[in-house]
């Protein structure tokens, strides 16, 4: 059984805090770009994640980075119950 995202209310996400996720590094064998996207998804509200995707692509990062199993972040989150807005943000960015 997967742990699903819980709604967090009144959390402040400044632009600086959102951008700080670009500095996250993988602590396992997954590529940094995959790890950064997954951590942003796990940590941010959908609107902050959408903003982050812009910073991520502006930094020439790979939205299609895969984990050691060959899965993209989209593959990993596709079946998560509350992932809809996150998936939409990723798909919109990938298609641009």
Protein backbone atom coordinates (compact mmCIF):
# COMPACT_ATOMS: atom_id res chain seq x y z
CA UNK A 1 0.00 0.00 0.00
CA UNK A 2 1.36 3.43 -0.96
CA UNK A 3 1.49 6.41 1.30
CA UNK A 4 -0.60 9.14 -0.29
CA UNK A 5 -0.06 12.88 -0.12
CA UNK A 6 -1.64 14.63 2.82
CA UNK A 7 -3.02 18.12 2.48
CA UNK A 8 -0.99 20.72 4.35
CA UNK A 9 -2.71 24.01 5.09
CA UNK A 10 -1.18 27.47 5.44
CA UNK A 11 2.36 26.41 4.58
CA UNK A 12 4.42 29.29 3.17
CA UNK A 13 6.34 28.57 -0.01
CA UNK A 14 8.39 31.57 -1.06
CA UNK A 15 10.01 31.68 -4.49
CA UNK A 16 13.36 31.21 -2.78
CA UNK A 17 12.16 28.08 -1.01
CA UNK A 18 10.72 26.66 -4.23
CA UNK A 19 13.99 27.37 -6.09
CA UNK A 20 16.01 25.76 -3.31
CA UNK A 21 14.87 22.34 -4.51
CA UNK A 22 17.14 22.80 -7.54
CA UNK A 23 20.03 22.23 -5.12
CA UNK A 24 18.76 18.90 -3.79
CA UNK A 25 21.05 16.01 -4.60
CA UNK A 26 20.34 12.33 -4.81
CA UNK A 27 21.52 10.20 -1.91
CA UNK A 28 20.93 6.95 -3.76
CA UNK A 29 21.80 5.77 -7.26
CA UNK A 30 19.04 7.76 -8.97
CA UNK A 31 20.04 10.70 -11.19
CA UNK A 32 19.79 14.11 -9.53
CA UNK A 33 17.11 15.40 -11.93
CA UNK A 34 14.81 12.46 -11.16
CA UNK A 35 15.43 12.82 -7.42
CA UNK A 36 14.84 16.59 -7.48
CA UNK A 37 11.50 16.24 -9.31
CA UNK A 38 10.30 13.46 -7.04
CA UNK A 39 11.23 15.38 -3.88
CA UNK A 40 9.50 18.49 -5.20
CA UNK A 41 6.38 16.44 -5.91
CA UNK A 42 6.46 14.89 -2.45
CA UNK A 43 7.02 18.22 -0.69
CA UNK A 44 5.14 20.93 -2.56
CA UNK A 45 1.56 21.94 -3.11
CA UNK A 46 0.45 21.65 -6.74
CA UNK A 47 0.68 25.39 -7.44
CA UNK A 48 4.20 25.55 -5.99
CA UNK A 49 5.17 22.46 -7.97
CA UNK A 50 3.94 24.12 -11.17
CA UNK A 51 6.11 27.13 -10.41
CA UNK A 52 9.04 24.84 -9.63
CA UNK A 53 8.69 23.08 -13.00
CA UNK A 54 9.35 26.46 -14.66
CA UNK A 55 12.51 26.97 -12.63
CA UNK A 56 13.55 23.37 -13.32
CA UNK A 57 13.21 23.73 -17.09
CA UNK A 58 14.82 27.19 -17.09
CA UNK A 59 17.81 25.50 -15.44
CA UNK A 60 17.96 23.05 -18.38
CA UNK A 61 17.04 20.06 -16.23
CA UNK A 62 15.60 16.84 -17.65
CA UNK A 63 11.86 16.37 -17.05
CA UNK A 64 12.18 12.86 -18.50
CA UNK A 65 14.99 11.74 -16.20
CA UNK A 66 14.52 8.16 -15.07
CA UNK A 67 15.25 6.30 -11.86
CA UNK A 68 17.39 3.17 -11.68
CA UNK A 69 14.30 1.18 -12.78
CA UNK A 70 13.85 3.26 -15.95
CA UNK A 71 10.76 5.07 -14.64
CA UNK A 72 10.14 8.81 -15.00
CA UNK A 73 8.50 10.79 -12.21
CA UNK A 74 5.30 10.70 -14.30
CA UNK A 75 5.49 6.90 -14.32
CA UNK A 76 5.95 6.80 -10.56
CA UNK A 77 3.11 9.17 -9.65
CA UNK A 78 0.60 8.18 -12.34
CA UNK A 79 -1.51 6.06 -9.96
CA UNK A 80 -1.34 8.35 -6.92
CA UNK A 81 -4.80 9.47 -5.94
CA UNK A 82 -4.02 13.19 -5.54
CA UNK A 83 -1.41 13.50 -8.29
CA UNK A 84 -3.71 14.93 -10.98
CA UNK A 85 -2.55 18.57 -10.86
CA UNK A 86 1.09 17.47 -10.61
CA UNK A 87 0.71 15.19 -13.61
CA UNK A 88 -0.92 18.01 -15.58
CA UNK A 89 1.96 20.36 -14.75
CA UNK A 90 4.55 17.80 -15.80
CA UNK A 91 2.73 16.84 -19.00
CA UNK A 92 2.30 20.49 -20.00
CA UNK A 93 6.00 21.16 -19.46
CA UNK A 94 7.10 18.01 -21.30
CA UNK A 95 4.96 18.88 -24.33
CA UNK A 96 6.47 22.40 -24.60
